[in-house]
Amino acid sequence: GPVFMSVSRKLPPGWPEDAFTRIWSMPAHLAEDSSQELDRVAAGRP
């Protein structure tokens, strides 16, 4: 039968984060780079 899959950047309302199985951990240096880039974008600085 059909399988419904939803992928989101937000936690579904009423769901605890520990209800999800972590299948990928971003290496710390990449997470830091992404965070810096997001901060620049949020500040409007390319």
ModelCIF file with pLDDT and N, C-alpha, C, O atoms, coordinates in Angstrom:
data_MODEL
#
_entry.id   MODEL 
#
_entity.id                         1 
_entity.type                       polymer 
_entity.pdbx_number_of_molecules   1 
#
_entity_poly.entity_id                      1 
_entity_poly.type                           'polypeptide(L)' 
_entity_poly.nstd_linkage                   no 
_entity_poly.nstd_monomer                   no 
_entity_poly.pdbx_seq_one_letter_code       GPVFMSVSRKLPPGWPEDAFTRIWSMPAHLAEDSSQELDRVAAGRP 
_entity_poly.pdbx_seq_one_letter_code_can   GPVFMSVSRKLPPGWPEDAFTRIWSMPAHLAEDSSQELDRVAAGRP 
_entity_poly.pdbx_strand_id                 A 
#
loop_
_entity_poly_seq.entity_id 
_entity_poly_seq.num 
_entity_poly_seq.mon_id 
_entity_poly_seq.hetero 
1 1  GLY n 
1 2  PRO n 
1 3  VAL n 
1 4  PHE n 
1 5  MET n 
1 6  SER n 
1 7  VAL n 
1 8  SER n 
1 9  ARG n 
1 10 LYS n 
1 11 LEU n 
1 12 PRO n 
1 13 PRO n 
1 14 GLY n 
1 15 TRP n 
1 16 PRO n 
1 17 GLU n 
1 18 ASP n 
1 19 ALA n 
1 20 PHE n 
1 21 THR n 
1 22 ARG n 
1 23 ILE n 
1 24 TRP n 
1 25 SER n 
1 26 MET n 
1 27 PRO n 
1 28 ALA n 
1 29 HIS n 
1 30 LEU n 
1 31 ALA n 
1 32 GLU n 
1 33 ASP n 
1 34 SER n 
1 35 SER n 
1 36 GLN n 
1 37 GLU n 
1 38 LEU n 
1 39 ASP n 
1 40 ARG n 
1 41 VAL n 
1 42 ALA n 
1 43 ALA n 
1 44 GLY n 
1 45 ARG n 
1 46 PRO n 
#
_struct_asym.id          A 
_struct_asym.entity_id   1 
#
loop_
_ma_qa_metric.id 
_ma_qa_metric.mode 
_ma_qa_metric.name 
_ma_qa_metric.software_group_id 
_ma_qa_metric.type 
1 global pLDDT . pLDDT 
2 local  pLDDT . pLDDT 
#
_ma_qa_metric_global.metric_id      1 
_ma_qa_metric_global.metric_value   77.59 
_ma_qa_metric_global.model_id       1 
_ma_qa_metric_global.ordinal_id     1 
#
loop_
_ma_qa_metric_local.label_asym_id 
_ma_qa_metric_local.label_comp_id 
_ma_qa_metric_local.label_seq_id 
_ma_qa_metric_local.metric_id 
_ma_qa_metric_local.metric_value 
_ma_qa_metric_local.model_id 
_ma_qa_metric_local.ordinal_id 
A GLY 1  2 95.00 1 1  
A PRO 2  2 97.00 1 2  
A VAL 3  2 96.00 1 3  
A PHE 4  2 97.00 1 4  
A MET 5  2 95.00 1 5  
A SER 6  2 94.00 1 6  
A VAL 7  2 95.00 1 7  
A SER 8  2 96.00 1 8  
A ARG 9  2 95.00 1 9  
A LYS 10 2 95.00 1 10 
A LEU 11 2 94.00 1 11 
A PRO 12 2 93.00 1 12 
A PRO 13 2 94.00 1 13 
A GLY 14 2 96.00 1 14 
A TRP 15 2 95.00 1 15 
A PRO 16 2 96.00 1 16 
A GLU 17 2 94.00 1 17 
A ASP 18 2 94.00 1 18 
A ALA 19 2 95.00 1 19 
A PHE 20 2 93.00 1 20 
A THR 21 2 90.00 1 21 
A ARG 22 2 89.00 1 22 
A ILE 23 2 88.00 1 23 
A TRP 24 2 86.00 1 24 
A SER 25 2 82.00 1 25 
A MET 26 2 65.00 1 26 
A PRO 27 2 62.00 1 27 
A ALA 28 2 67.00 1 28 
A HIS 29 2 63.00 1 29 
A LEU 30 2 58.00 1 30 
A ALA 31 2 60.00 1 31 
A GLU 32 2 60.00 1 32 
A ASP 33 2 59.00 1 33 
A SER 34 2 55.00 1 34 
A SER 35 2 55.00 1 35 
A GLN 36 2 59.00 1 36 
A GLU 37 2 55.00 1 37 
A LEU 38 2 53.00 1 38 
A ASP 39 2 57.00 1 39 
A ARG 40 2 58.00 1 40 
A VAL 41 2 53.00 1 41 
A ALA 42 2 57.00 1 42 
A ALA 43 2 64.00 1 43 
A GLY 44 2 61.00 1 44 
A ARG 45 2 60.00 1 45 
A PRO 46 2 54.00 1 46 
#
loop_
_atom_site.group_PDB 
_atom_site.id 
_atom_site.type_symbol 
_atom_site.label_atom_id 
_atom_site.label_alt_id 
_atom_site.label_comp_id 
_atom_site.label_asym_id 
_atom_site.label_entity_id 
_atom_site.label_seq_id 
_atom_site.pdbx_PDB_ins_code 
_atom_site.Cartn_x 
_atom_site.Cartn_y 
_atom_site.Cartn_z 
_atom_site.occupancy 
_atom_site.B_iso_or_equiv 
_atom_site.pdbx_formal_charge 
_atom_site.auth_seq_id 
_atom_site.auth_comp_id 
_atom_site.auth_asym_id 
_atom_site.auth_atom_id 
_atom_site.pdbx_PDB_model_num 
ATOM 1   N N  . GLY A 1 1  ? 0.834  -1.196 0.000  1.00 95.00 ? 1  GLY A N  1 
ATOM 2   C CA . GLY A 1 1  ? 0.000  0.000  0.000  1.00 95.00 ? 1  GLY A CA 1 
ATOM 3   C C  . GLY A 1 1  ? 0.868  1.246  0.000  1.00 95.00 ? 1  GLY A C  1 
ATOM 4   O O  . GLY A 1 1  ? 2.096  1.151  0.000  1.00 95.00 ? 1  GLY A O  1 
ATOM 5   N N  . PRO A 1 2  ? 0.237  2.410  0.000  1.00 97.00 ? 2  PRO A N  1 
ATOM 6   C CA . PRO A 1 2  ? 1.003  3.657  -0.076 1.00 97.00 ? 2  PRO A CA 1 
ATOM 7   C C  . PRO A 1 2  ? 1.786  3.920  1.207  1.00 97.00 ? 2  PRO A C  1 
ATOM 8   O O  . PRO A 1 2  ? 1.365  3.553  2.305  1.00 97.00 ? 2  PRO A O  1 
ATOM 9   N N  . VAL A 1 3  ? 2.935  4.565  1.033  1.00 96.00 ? 3  VAL A N  1 
ATOM 10  C CA . VAL A 1 3  ? 3.740  5.037  2.160  1.00 96.00 ? 3  VAL A CA 1 
ATOM 11  C C  . VAL A 1 3  ? 3.839  6.548  2.007  1.00 96.00 ? 3  VAL A C  1 
ATOM 12  O O  . VAL A 1 3  ? 4.208  7.048  0.944  1.00 96.00 ? 3  VAL A O  1 
ATOM 13  N N  . PHE A 1 4  ? 3.509  7.269  3.070  1.00 97.00 ? 4  PHE A N  1 
ATOM 14  C CA . PHE A 1 4  ? 3.538  8.725  3.068  1.00 97.00 ? 4  PHE A CA 1 
ATOM 15  C C  . PHE A 1 4  ? 4.769  9.177  3.849  1.00 97.00 ? 4  PHE A C  1 
ATOM 16  O O  . PHE A 1 4  ? 4.972  8.789  4.999  1.00 97.00 ? 4  PHE A O  1 
ATOM 17  N N  . MET A 1 5  ? 5.578  9.999  3.204  1.00 95.00 ? 5  MET A N  1 
ATOM 18  C CA . MET A 1 5  ? 6.804  10.477 3.831  1.00 95.00 ? 5  MET A CA 1 
ATOM 19  C C  . MET A 1 5  ? 6.799  11.995 3.830  1.00 95.00 ? 5  MET A C  1 
ATOM 20  O O  . MET A 1 5  ? 6.495  12.634 2.823  1.00 95.00 ? 5  MET A O  1 
ATOM 21  N N  . SER A 1 6  ? 7.140  12.551 4.969  1.00 94.00 ? 6  SER A N  1 
ATOM 22  C CA . SER A 1 6  ? 7.225  13.993 5.092  1.00 94.00 ? 6  SER A CA 1 
ATOM 23  C C  . SER A 1 6  ? 8.611  14.352 5.616  1.00 94.00 ? 6  SER A C  1 
ATOM 24  O O  . SER A 1 6  ? 9.069  13.797 6.614  1.00 94.00 ? 6  SER A O  1 
ATOM 25  N N  . VAL A 1 7  ? 9.271  15.282 4.938  1.00 95.00 ? 7  VAL A N  1 
ATOM 26  C CA . VAL A 1 7  ? 10.597 15.746 5.321  1.00 95.00 ? 7  VAL A CA 1 
ATOM 27  C C  . VAL A 1 7  ? 10.472 17.239 5.569  1.00 95.00 ? 7  VAL A C  1 
ATOM 28  O O  . VAL A 1 7  ? 9.992  17.975 4.707  1.00 95.00 ? 7  VAL A O  1 
ATOM 29  N N  . SER A 1 8  ? 10.898 17.688 6.736  1.00 96.00 ? 8  SER A N  1 
ATOM 30  C CA . SER A 1 8  ? 10.699 19.084 7.091  1.00 96.00 ? 8  SER A CA 1 
ATOM 31  C C  . SER A 1 8  ? 11.868 19.626 7.893  1.00 96.00 ? 8  SER A C  1 
ATOM 32  O O  . SER A 1 8  ? 12.593 18.874 8.546  1.00 96.00 ? 8  SER A O  1 
ATOM 33  N N  . ARG A 1 9  ? 12.041 20.922 7.837  1.00 95.00 ? 9  ARG A N  1 
ATOM 34  C CA . ARG A 1 9  ? 13.049 21.590 8.655  1.00 95.00 ? 9  ARG A CA 1 
ATOM 35  C C  . ARG A 1 9  ? 12.504 21.937 10.038 1.00 95.00 ? 9  ARG A C  1 
ATOM 36  O O  . ARG A 1 9  ? 13.249 22.433 10.884 1.00 95.00 ? 9  ARG A O  1 
ATOM 37  N N  . LYS A 1 10 ? 11.255 21.693 10.275 1.00 95.00 ? 10 LYS A N  1 
ATOM 38  C CA . LYS A 1 10 ? 10.633 21.999 11.573 1.00 95.00 ? 10 LYS A CA 1 
ATOM 39  C C  . LYS A 1 10 ? 10.142 20.715 12.221 1.00 95.00 ? 10 LYS A C  1 
ATOM 40  O O  . LYS A 1 10 ? 9.724  19.780 11.539 1.00 95.00 ? 10 LYS A O  1 
ATOM 41  N N  . LEU A 1 11 ? 10.197 20.682 13.531 1.00 94.00 ? 11 LEU A N  1 
ATOM 42  C CA . LEU A 1 11 ? 9.661  19.564 14.291 1.00 94.00 ? 11 LEU A CA 1 
ATOM 43  C C  . LEU A 1 11 ? 8.136  19.628 14.210 1.00 94.00 ? 11 LEU A C  1 
ATOM 44  O O  . LEU A 1 11 ? 7.557  20.685 14.462 1.00 94.00 ? 11 LEU A O  1 
ATOM 45  N N  . PRO A 1 12 ? 7.473  18.520 13.866 1.00 93.00 ? 12 PRO A N  1 
ATOM 46  C CA . PRO A 1 12 ? 6.005  18.557 13.797 1.00 93.00 ? 12 PRO A CA 1 
ATOM 47  C C  . PRO A 1 12 ? 5.410  18.936 15.155 1.00 93.00 ? 12 PRO A C  1 
ATOM 48  O O  . PRO A 1 12 ? 5.916  18.501 16.190 1.00 93.00 ? 12 PRO A O  1 
ATOM 49  N N  . PRO A 1 13 ? 4.353  19.734 15.167 1.00 94.00 ? 13 PRO A N  1 
ATOM 50  C CA . PRO A 1 13 ? 3.735  20.147 16.432 1.00 94.00 ? 13 PRO A CA 1 
ATOM 51  C C  . PRO A 1 13 ? 3.373  18.931 17.285 1.00 94.00 ? 13 PRO A C  1 
ATOM 52  O O  . PRO A 1 13 ? 2.786  17.962 16.803 1.00 94.00 ? 13 PRO A O  1 
ATOM 53  N N  . GLY A 1 14 ? 3.737  19.009 18.558 1.00 96.00 ? 14 GLY A N  1 
ATOM 54  C CA . GLY A 1 14 ? 3.395  17.951 19.502 1.00 96.00 ? 14 GLY A CA 1 
ATOM 55  C C  . GLY A 1 14 ? 4.332  16.753 19.481 1.00 96.00 ? 14 GLY A C  1 
ATOM 56  O O  . GLY A 1 14 ? 4.134  15.805 20.241 1.00 96.00 ? 14 GLY A O  1 
ATOM 57  N N  . TRP A 1 15 ? 5.342  16.777 18.633 1.00 95.00 ? 15 TRP A N  1 
ATOM 58  C CA . TRP A 1 15 ? 6.286  15.652 18.553 1.00 95.00 ? 15 TRP A CA 1 
ATOM 59  C C  . TRP A 1 15 ? 7.573  16.021 19.287 1.00 95.00 ? 15 TRP A C  1 
ATOM 60  O O  . TRP A 1 15 ? 8.118  17.102 19.063 1.00 95.00 ? 15 TRP A O  1 
ATOM 61  N N  . PRO A 1 16 ? 8.067  15.144 20.156 1.00 96.00 ? 16 PRO A N  1 
ATOM 62  C CA . PRO A 1 16 ? 9.372  15.412 20.785 1.00 96.00 ? 16 PRO A CA 1 
ATOM 63  C C  . PRO A 1 16 ? 10.498 15.048 19.813 1.00 96.00 ? 16 PRO A C  1 
ATOM 64  O O  . PRO A 1 16 ? 10.345 14.151 18.984 1.00 96.00 ? 16 PRO A O  1 
ATOM 65  N N  . GLU A 1 17 ? 11.612 15.741 19.921 1.00 94.00 ? 17 GLU A N  1 
ATOM 66  C CA . GLU A 1 17 ? 12.742 15.465 19.035 1.00 94.00 ? 17 GLU A CA 1 
ATOM 67  C C  . GLU A 1 17 ? 13.242 14.027 19.192 1.00 94.00 ? 17 GLU A C  1 
ATOM 68  O O  . GLU A 1 17 ? 13.726 13.428 18.232 1.00 94.00 ? 17 GLU A O  1 
ATOM 69  N N  . ASP A 1 18 ? 13.124 13.478 20.396 1.00 94.00 ? 18 ASP A N  1 
ATOM 70  C CA . ASP A 1 18 ? 13.627 12.110 20.608 1.00 94.00 ? 18 ASP A CA 1 
ATOM 71  C C  . ASP A 1 18 ? 12.728 11.037 19.991 1.00 94.00 ? 18 ASP A C  1 
ATOM 72  O O  . ASP A 1 18 ? 13.020 9.846  20.105 1.00 94.00 ? 18 ASP A O  1 
ATOM 73  N N  . ALA A 1 19 ? 11.639 11.447 19.339 1.00 95.00 ? 19 ALA A N  1 
ATOM 74  C CA . ALA A 1 19 ? 10.803 10.490 18.601 1.00 95.00 ? 19 ALA A CA 1 
ATOM 75  C C  . ALA A 1 19 ? 11.436 10.146 17.251 1.00 95.00 ? 19 ALA A C  1 
ATOM 76  O O  . ALA A 1 19 ? 10.962 9.249  16.554 1.00 95.00 ? 19 ALA A O  1 
ATOM 77  N N  . PHE A 1 20 ? 12.504 10.858 16.880 1.00 93.00 ? 20 PHE A N  1 
ATOM 78  C CA . PHE A 1 20 ? 13.153 10.673 15.589 1.00 93.00 ? 20 PHE A CA 1 
ATOM 79  C C  . PHE A 1 20 ? 14.500 9.984  15.763 1.00 93.00 ? 20 PHE A C  1 
ATOM 80  O O  . PHE A 1 20 ? 15.215 10.228 16.735 1.00 93.00 ? 20 PHE A O  1 
ATOM 81  N N  . THR A 1 21 ? 14.830 9.133  14.823 1.00 90.00 ? 21 THR A N  1 
ATOM 82  C CA . THR A 1 21 ? 16.122 8.453  14.821 1.00 90.00 ? 21 THR A CA 1 
ATOM 83  C C  . THR A 1 21 ? 17.114 9.291  14.030 1.00 90.00 ? 21 THR A C  1 
ATOM 84  O O  . THR A 1 21 ? 16.906 9.559  12.847 1.00 90.00 ? 21 THR A O  1 
ATOM 85  N N  . ARG A 1 22 ? 18.195 9.703  14.689 1.00 89.00 ? 22 ARG A N  1 
ATOM 86  C CA . ARG A 1 22 ? 19.222 10.486 14.000 1.00 89.00 ? 22 ARG A CA 1 
ATOM 87  C C  . ARG A 1 22 ? 19.974 9.541  13.063 1.00 89.00 ? 22 ARG A C  1 
ATOM 88  O O  . ARG A 1 22 ? 20.548 8.546  13.505 1.00 89.00 ? 22 ARG A O  1 
ATOM 89  N N  . ILE A 1 23 ? 19.967 9.859  11.770 1.00 88.00 ? 23 ILE A N  1 
ATOM 90  C CA . ILE A 1 23 ? 20.636 8.997  10.802 1.00 88.00 ? 23 ILE A CA 1 
ATOM 91  C C  . ILE A 1 23 ? 21.883 9.651  10.222 1.00 88.00 ? 23 ILE A C  1 
ATOM 92  O O  . ILE A 1 23 ? 22.623 9.009  9.477  1.00 88.00 ? 23 ILE A O  1 
ATOM 93  N N  . TRP A 1 24 ? 22.125 10.903 10.549 1.00 86.00 ? 24 TRP A N  1 
ATOM 94  C CA . TRP A 1 24 ? 23.305 11.583 10.024 1.00 86.00 ? 24 TRP A CA 1 
ATOM 95  C C  . TRP A 1 24 ? 23.718 12.657 11.001 1.00 86.00 ? 24 TRP A C  1 
ATOM 96  O O  . TRP A 1 24 ? 22.885 13.447 11.446 1.00 86.00 ? 24 TRP A O  1 
ATOM 97  N N  . SER A 1 25 ? 24.961 12.698 11.332 1.00 82.00 ? 25 SER A N  1 
ATOM 98  C CA . SER A 1 25 ? 25.508 13.783 12.143 1.00 82.00 ? 25 SER A CA 1 
ATOM 99  C C  . SER A 1 25 ? 26.482 14.548 11.291 1.00 82.00 ? 25 SER A C  1 
ATOM 100 O O  . SER A 1 25 ? 27.407 13.975 10.716 1.00 82.00 ? 25 SER A O  1 
ATOM 101 N N  . MET A 1 26 ? 26.276 15.842 11.211 1.00 65.00 ? 26 MET A N  1 
ATOM 102 C CA . MET A 1 26 ? 27.173 16.685 10.430 1.00 65.00 ? 26 MET A CA 1 
ATOM 103 C C  . MET A 1 26 ? 28.467 16.858 11.218 1.00 65.00 ? 26 MET A C  1 
ATOM 104 O O  . MET A 1 26 ? 28.424 17.163 12.410 1.00 65.00 ? 26 MET A O  1 
ATOM 105 N N  . PRO A 1 27 ? 29.616 16.669 10.573 1.00 62.00 ? 27 PRO A N  1 
ATOM 106 C CA . PRO A 1 27 ? 30.887 16.916 11.265 1.00 62.00 ? 27 PRO A CA 1 
ATOM 107 C C  . PRO A 1 27 ? 30.911 18.334 11.821 1.00 62.00 ? 27 PRO A C  1 
ATOM 108 O O  . PRO A 1 27 ? 30.410 19.260 11.183 1.00 62.00 ? 27 PRO A O  1 
ATOM 109 N N  . ALA A 1 28 ? 31.485 18.509 12.995 1.00 67.00 ? 28 ALA A N  1 
ATOM 110 C CA . ALA A 1 28 ? 31.452 19.795 13.707 1.00 67.00 ? 28 ALA A CA 1 
ATOM 111 C C  . ALA A 1 28 ? 31.962 20.950 12.854 1.00 67.00 ? 28 ALA A C  1 
ATOM 112 O O  . ALA A 1 28 ? 31.366 22.028 12.869 1.00 67.00 ? 28 ALA A O  1 
ATOM 113 N N  . HIS A 1 29 ? 33.062 20.750 12.103 1.00 63.00 ? 29 HIS A N  1 
ATOM 114 C CA . HIS A 1 29 ? 33.603 21.866 11.318 1.00 63.00 ? 29 HIS A CA 1 
ATOM 115 C C  . HIS A 1 29 ? 32.643 22.277 10.205 1.00 63.00 ? 29 HIS A C  1 
ATOM 116 O O  . HIS A 1 29 ? 32.605 23.451 9.838  1.00 63.00 ? 29 HIS A O  1 
ATOM 117 N N  . LEU A 1 30 ? 31.872 21.348 9.664  1.00 58.00 ? 30 LEU A N  1 
ATOM 118 C CA . LEU A 1 30 ? 30.891 21.700 8.638  1.00 58.00 ? 30 LEU A CA 1 
ATOM 119 C C  . LEU A 1 30 ? 29.691 22.392 9.257  1.00 58.00 ? 30 LEU A C  1 
ATOM 120 O O  . LEU A 1 30 ? 29.150 23.332 8.675  1.00 58.00 ? 30 LEU A O  1 
ATOM 121 N N  . ALA A 1 31 ? 29.271 21.944 10.421 1.00 60.00 ? 31 ALA A N  1 
ATOM 122 C CA . ALA A 1 31 ? 28.144 22.584 11.105 1.00 60.00 ? 31 ALA A CA 1 
ATOM 123 C C  . ALA A 1 31 ? 28.479 24.029 11.427 1.00 60.00 ? 31 ALA A C  1 
ATOM 124 O O  . ALA A 1 31 ? 27.636 24.915 11.283 1.00 60.00 ? 31 ALA A O  1 
ATOM 125 N N  . GLU A 1 32 ? 29.720 24.272 11.866 1.00 60.00 ? 32 GLU A N  1 
ATOM 126 C CA . GLU A 1 32 ? 30.150 25.630 12.183 1.00 60.00 ? 32 GLU A CA 1 
ATOM 127 C C  . GLU A 1 32 ? 30.158 26.494 10.932 1.00 60.00 ? 32 GLU A C  1 
ATOM 128 O O  . GLU A 1 32 ? 29.707 27.639 10.972 1.00 60.00 ? 32 GLU A O  1 
ATOM 129 N N  . ASP A 1 33 ? 30.667 25.959 9.808  1.00 59.00 ? 33 ASP A N  1 
ATOM 130 C CA . ASP A 1 33 ? 30.686 26.702 8.549  1.00 59.00 ? 33 ASP A CA 1 
ATOM 131 C C  . ASP A 1 33 ? 29.265 27.062 8.129  1.00 59.00 ? 33 ASP A C  1 
ATOM 132 O O  . ASP A 1 33 ? 29.009 28.198 7.728  1.00 59.00 ? 33 ASP A O  1 
ATOM 133 N N  . SER A 1 34 ? 28.336 26.105 8.217  1.00 55.00 ? 34 SER A N  1 
ATOM 134 C CA . SER A 1 34 ? 26.950 26.348 7.829  1.00 55.00 ? 34 SER A CA 1 
ATOM 135 C C  . SER A 1 34 ? 26.328 27.407 8.712  1.00 55.00 ? 34 SER A C  1 
ATOM 136 O O  . SER A 1 34 ? 25.581 28.260 8.233  1.00 55.00 ? 34 SER A O  1 
ATOM 137 N N  . SER A 1 35 ? 26.628 27.361 9.997  1.00 55.00 ? 35 SER A N  1 
ATOM 138 C CA . SER A 1 35 ? 26.085 28.335 10.937 1.00 55.00 ? 35 SER A CA 1 
ATOM 139 C C  . SER A 1 35 ? 26.578 29.737 10.590 1.00 55.00 ? 35 SER A C  1 
ATOM 140 O O  . SER A 1 35 ? 25.801 30.692 10.612 1.00 55.00 ? 35 SER A O  1 
ATOM 141 N N  . GLN A 1 36 ? 27.869 29.865 10.269 1.00 59.00 ? 36 GLN A N  1 
ATOM 142 C CA . GLN A 1 36 ? 28.423 31.170 9.897  1.00 59.00 ? 36 GLN A CA 1 
ATOM 143 C C  . GLN A 1 36 ? 27.771 31.687 8.625  1.00 59.00 ? 36 GLN A C  1 
ATOM 144 O O  . GLN A 1 36 ? 27.460 32.874 8.520  1.00 59.00 ? 36 GLN A O  1 
ATOM 145 N N  . GLU A 1 37 ? 27.565 30.798 7.660  1.00 55.00 ? 37 GLU A N  1 
ATOM 146 C CA . GLU A 1 37 ? 26.933 31.217 6.404  1.00 55.00 ? 37 GLU A CA 1 
ATOM 147 C C  . GLU A 1 37 ? 25.496 31.671 6.649  1.00 55.00 ? 37 GLU A C  1 
ATOM 148 O O  . GLU A 1 37 ? 25.065 32.683 6.098  1.00 55.00 ? 37 GLU A O  1 
ATOM 149 N N  . LEU A 1 38 ? 24.747 30.926 7.477  1.00 53.00 ? 38 LEU A N  1 
ATOM 150 C CA . LEU A 1 38 ? 23.369 31.311 7.791  1.00 53.00 ? 38 LEU A CA 1 
ATOM 151 C C  . LEU A 1 38 ? 23.330 32.654 8.503  1.00 53.00 ? 38 LEU A C  1 
ATOM 152 O O  . LEU A 1 38 ? 22.439 33.463 8.244  1.00 53.00 ? 38 LEU A O  1 
ATOM 153 N N  . ASP A 1 39 ? 24.292 32.908 9.406  1.00 57.00 ? 39 ASP A N  1 
ATOM 154 C CA . ASP A 1 39 ? 24.354 34.195 10.090 1.00 57.00 ? 39 ASP A CA 1 
ATOM 155 C C  . ASP A 1 39 ? 24.580 35.330 9.094  1.00 57.00 ? 39 ASP A C  1 
ATOM 156 O O  . ASP A 1 39 ? 23.964 36.389 9.207  1.00 57.00 ? 39 ASP A O  1 
ATOM 157 N N  . ARG A 1 40 ? 25.472 35.108 8.109  1.00 58.00 ? 40 ARG A N  1 
ATOM 158 C CA . ARG A 1 40 ? 25.719 36.142 7.083  1.00 58.00 ? 40 ARG A CA 1 
ATOM 159 C C  . ARG A 1 40 ? 24.467 36.405 6.267  1.00 58.00 ? 40 ARG A C  1 
ATOM 160 O O  . ARG A 1 40 ? 24.127 37.559 6.006  1.00 58.00 ? 40 ARG A O  1 
ATOM 161 N N  . VAL A 1 41 ? 23.785 35.355 5.865  1.00 53.00 ? 41 VAL A N  1 
ATOM 162 C CA . VAL A 1 41 ? 22.573 35.502 5.053  1.00 53.00 ? 41 VAL A CA 1 
ATOM 163 C C  . VAL A 1 41 ? 21.503 36.227 5.857  1.00 53.00 ? 41 VAL A C  1 
ATOM 164 O O  . VAL A 1 41 ? 20.842 37.128 5.339  1.00 53.00 ? 41 VAL A O  1 
ATOM 165 N N  . ALA A 1 42 ? 21.323 35.840 7.130  1.00 57.00 ? 42 ALA A N  1 
ATOM 166 C CA . ALA A 1 42 ? 20.317 36.488 7.977  1.00 57.00 ? 42 ALA A CA 1 
ATOM 167 C C  . ALA A 1 42 ? 20.618 37.971 8.157  1.00 57.00 ? 42 ALA A C  1 
ATOM 168 O O  . ALA A 1 42 ? 19.699 38.783 8.270  1.00 57.00 ? 42 ALA A O  1 
ATOM 169 N N  . ALA A 1 43 ? 21.902 38.328 8.183  1.00 64.00 ? 43 ALA A N  1 
ATOM 170 C CA . ALA A 1 43 ? 22.296 39.719 8.352  1.00 64.00 ? 43 ALA A CA 1 
ATOM 171 C C  . ALA A 1 43 ? 22.272 40.469 7.020  1.00 64.00 ? 43 ALA A C  1 
ATOM 172 O O  . ALA A 1 43 ? 22.503 41.678 6.982  1.00 64.00 ? 43 ALA A O  1 
ATOM 173 N N  . GLY A 1 44 ? 21.992 39.754 5.931  1.00 61.00 ? 44 GLY A N  1 
ATOM 174 C CA . GLY A 1 44 ? 21.948 40.392 4.623  1.00 61.00 ? 44 GLY A CA 1 
ATOM 175 C C  . GLY A 1 44 ? 23.315 40.644 4.039  1.00 61.00 ? 44 GLY A C  1 
ATOM 176 O O  . GLY A 1 44 ? 23.460 41.453 3.123  1.00 61.00 ? 44 GLY A O  1 
ATOM 177 N N  . ARG A 1 45 ? 24.342 39.949 4.566  1.00 60.00 ? 45 ARG A N  1 
ATOM 178 C CA . ARG A 1 45 ? 25.694 40.132 4.068  1.00 60.00 ? 45 ARG A CA 1 
ATOM 179 C C  . ARG A 1 45 ? 26.115 38.910 3.276  1.00 60.00 ? 45 ARG A C  1 
ATOM 180 O O  . ARG A 1 45 ? 26.263 37.829 3.847  1.00 60.00 ? 45 ARG A O  1 
ATOM 181 N N  . PRO A 1 46 ? 26.309 39.055 1.985  1.00 54.00 ? 46 PRO A N  1 
ATOM 182 C CA . PRO A 1 46 ? 26.794 37.926 1.183  1.00 54.00 ? 46 PRO A CA 1 
ATOM 183 C C  . PRO A 1 46 ? 28.242 37.609 1.538  1.00 54.00 ? 46 PRO A C  1 
ATOM 184 O O  . PRO A 1 46 ? 28.830 36.689 0.970  1.00 54.00 ? 46 PRO A O  1 
#
